[in-house]
């Protein structure tokens, strides 16, 4: 499966904006228009790249990778910052 950077970005935004982020509770983001299997593979990629913190709960009976996310990492925040630069600041006056 190819990795979709836009889906990765949506997952990171969902994790970052979740009220349980950083609390120790697990976060299961669901992204409209994407199947759970596709989301799971992208979460595994984000976990492998250390963009999210969590635990691998995949077992022999799992249909696809099961990573239980707990928070976004500083590297994940940097990824978002690089993808969503702040709008240019406009000068007012002379």
Protein backbone atom coordinates (compact mmCIF):
# COMPACT_ATOMS: atom_id res chain seq x y z
CA UNK A 1 0.00 0.00 0.00
CA UNK A 2 1.32 3.44 -0.92
CA UNK A 3 1.56 6.01 1.83
CA UNK A 4 -0.65 9.06 1.30
CA UNK A 5 0.99 12.15 2.88
CA UNK A 6 -2.38 13.92 3.06
CA UNK A 7 -3.89 11.03 5.05
CA UNK A 8 -0.85 11.06 7.35
CA UNK A 9 -1.40 14.77 7.89
CA UNK A 10 -5.11 14.23 8.65
CA UNK A 11 -4.28 11.50 11.18
CA UNK A 12 -1.69 13.67 12.93
CA UNK A 13 -4.12 16.59 13.09
CA UNK A 14 -6.81 14.30 14.52
CA UNK A 15 -4.42 12.98 17.18
CA UNK A 16 -3.08 16.43 18.04
CA UNK A 17 -6.58 17.88 18.45
CA UNK A 18 -7.96 14.93 20.46
CA UNK A 19 -8.71 15.83 24.08
CA UNK A 20 -7.12 12.57 25.28
CA UNK A 21 -3.75 13.27 23.60
CA UNK A 22 -0.96 12.99 26.12
CA UNK A 23 -3.25 11.69 28.87
CA UNK A 24 -2.08 8.08 28.59
CA UNK A 25 -5.40 7.00 27.09
CA UNK A 26 -5.44 5.49 23.62
CA UNK A 27 -6.68 7.48 20.64
CA UNK A 28 -8.37 5.85 17.66
CA UNK A 29 -8.68 8.44 14.92
CA UNK A 30 -11.27 7.91 12.23
CA UNK A 31 -10.93 9.91 9.04
CA UNK A 32 -14.00 10.39 6.87
CA UNK A 33 -13.68 8.79 3.45
CA UNK A 34 -11.00 6.28 4.48
CA UNK A 35 -11.37 2.63 5.46
CA UNK A 36 -10.12 1.46 8.89
CA UNK A 37 -7.57 -0.83 7.19
CA UNK A 38 -6.09 2.07 5.21
CA UNK A 39 -5.94 4.25 8.33
CA UNK A 40 -4.31 1.42 10.30
CA UNK A 41 -1.52 1.01 7.73
CA UNK A 42 -0.85 4.74 7.78
CA UNK A 43 -0.82 4.79 11.59
CA UNK A 44 1.72 1.94 11.52
CA UNK A 45 3.85 4.00 9.14
CA UNK A 46 3.61 7.06 11.43
CA UNK A 47 4.55 4.88 14.40
CA UNK A 48 7.49 3.32 12.54
CA UNK A 49 8.72 6.81 11.63
CA UNK A 50 8.31 7.91 15.27
CA UNK A 51 5.75 10.61 14.44
CA UNK A 52 3.28 9.21 17.00
CA UNK A 53 3.70 7.54 20.40
CA UNK A 54 1.83 4.38 21.20
CA UNK A 55 1.94 0.64 21.56
CA UNK A 56 1.86 -2.10 18.97
CA UNK A 57 -1.06 -4.38 19.87
CA UNK A 58 -0.95 -6.42 16.66
CA UNK A 59 -1.40 -10.14 17.22
CA UNK A 60 -1.79 -13.23 15.05
CA UNK A 61 -5.53 -12.69 14.73
CA UNK A 62 -5.26 -9.03 13.69
CA UNK A 63 -6.51 -8.33 10.19
CA UNK A 64 -4.15 -5.38 9.89
CA UNK A 65 -1.60 -3.55 12.09
CA UNK A 66 -3.02 -2.36 15.40
CA UNK A 67 -1.13 0.55 16.90
CA UNK A 68 -2.77 2.20 19.87
CA UNK A 69 -1.79 5.88 19.68
CA UNK A 70 -1.25 7.91 22.85
CA UNK A 71 0.13 11.20 21.49
CA UNK A 72 1.92 12.95 18.66
CA UNK A 73 5.72 13.28 19.01
CA UNK A 74 7.83 16.41 18.47
CA UNK A 75 8.82 14.91 15.10
CA UNK A 76 5.11 14.60 14.27
CA UNK A 77 4.55 18.25 15.16
CA UNK A 78 7.50 19.21 12.95
CA UNK A 79 5.98 17.18 10.10
CA UNK A 80 2.75 19.16 10.51
CA UNK A 81 4.60 22.47 10.72
CA UNK A 82 6.49 21.66 7.52
CA UNK A 83 3.25 20.75 5.74
CA UNK A 84 1.22 23.65 7.12
CA UNK A 85 3.46 26.70 7.12
CA UNK A 86 2.10 29.81 8.76
CA UNK A 87 0.55 32.31 6.35
CA UNK A 88 2.90 35.08 5.26
CA UNK A 89 2.83 38.15 7.47
CA UNK A 90 1.78 41.34 5.75
CA UNK A 91 3.30 44.70 6.48
CA UNK A 92 0.90 47.47 7.25
CA UNK A 93 1.89 51.01 6.44
CA UNK A 94 5.27 52.10 5.18
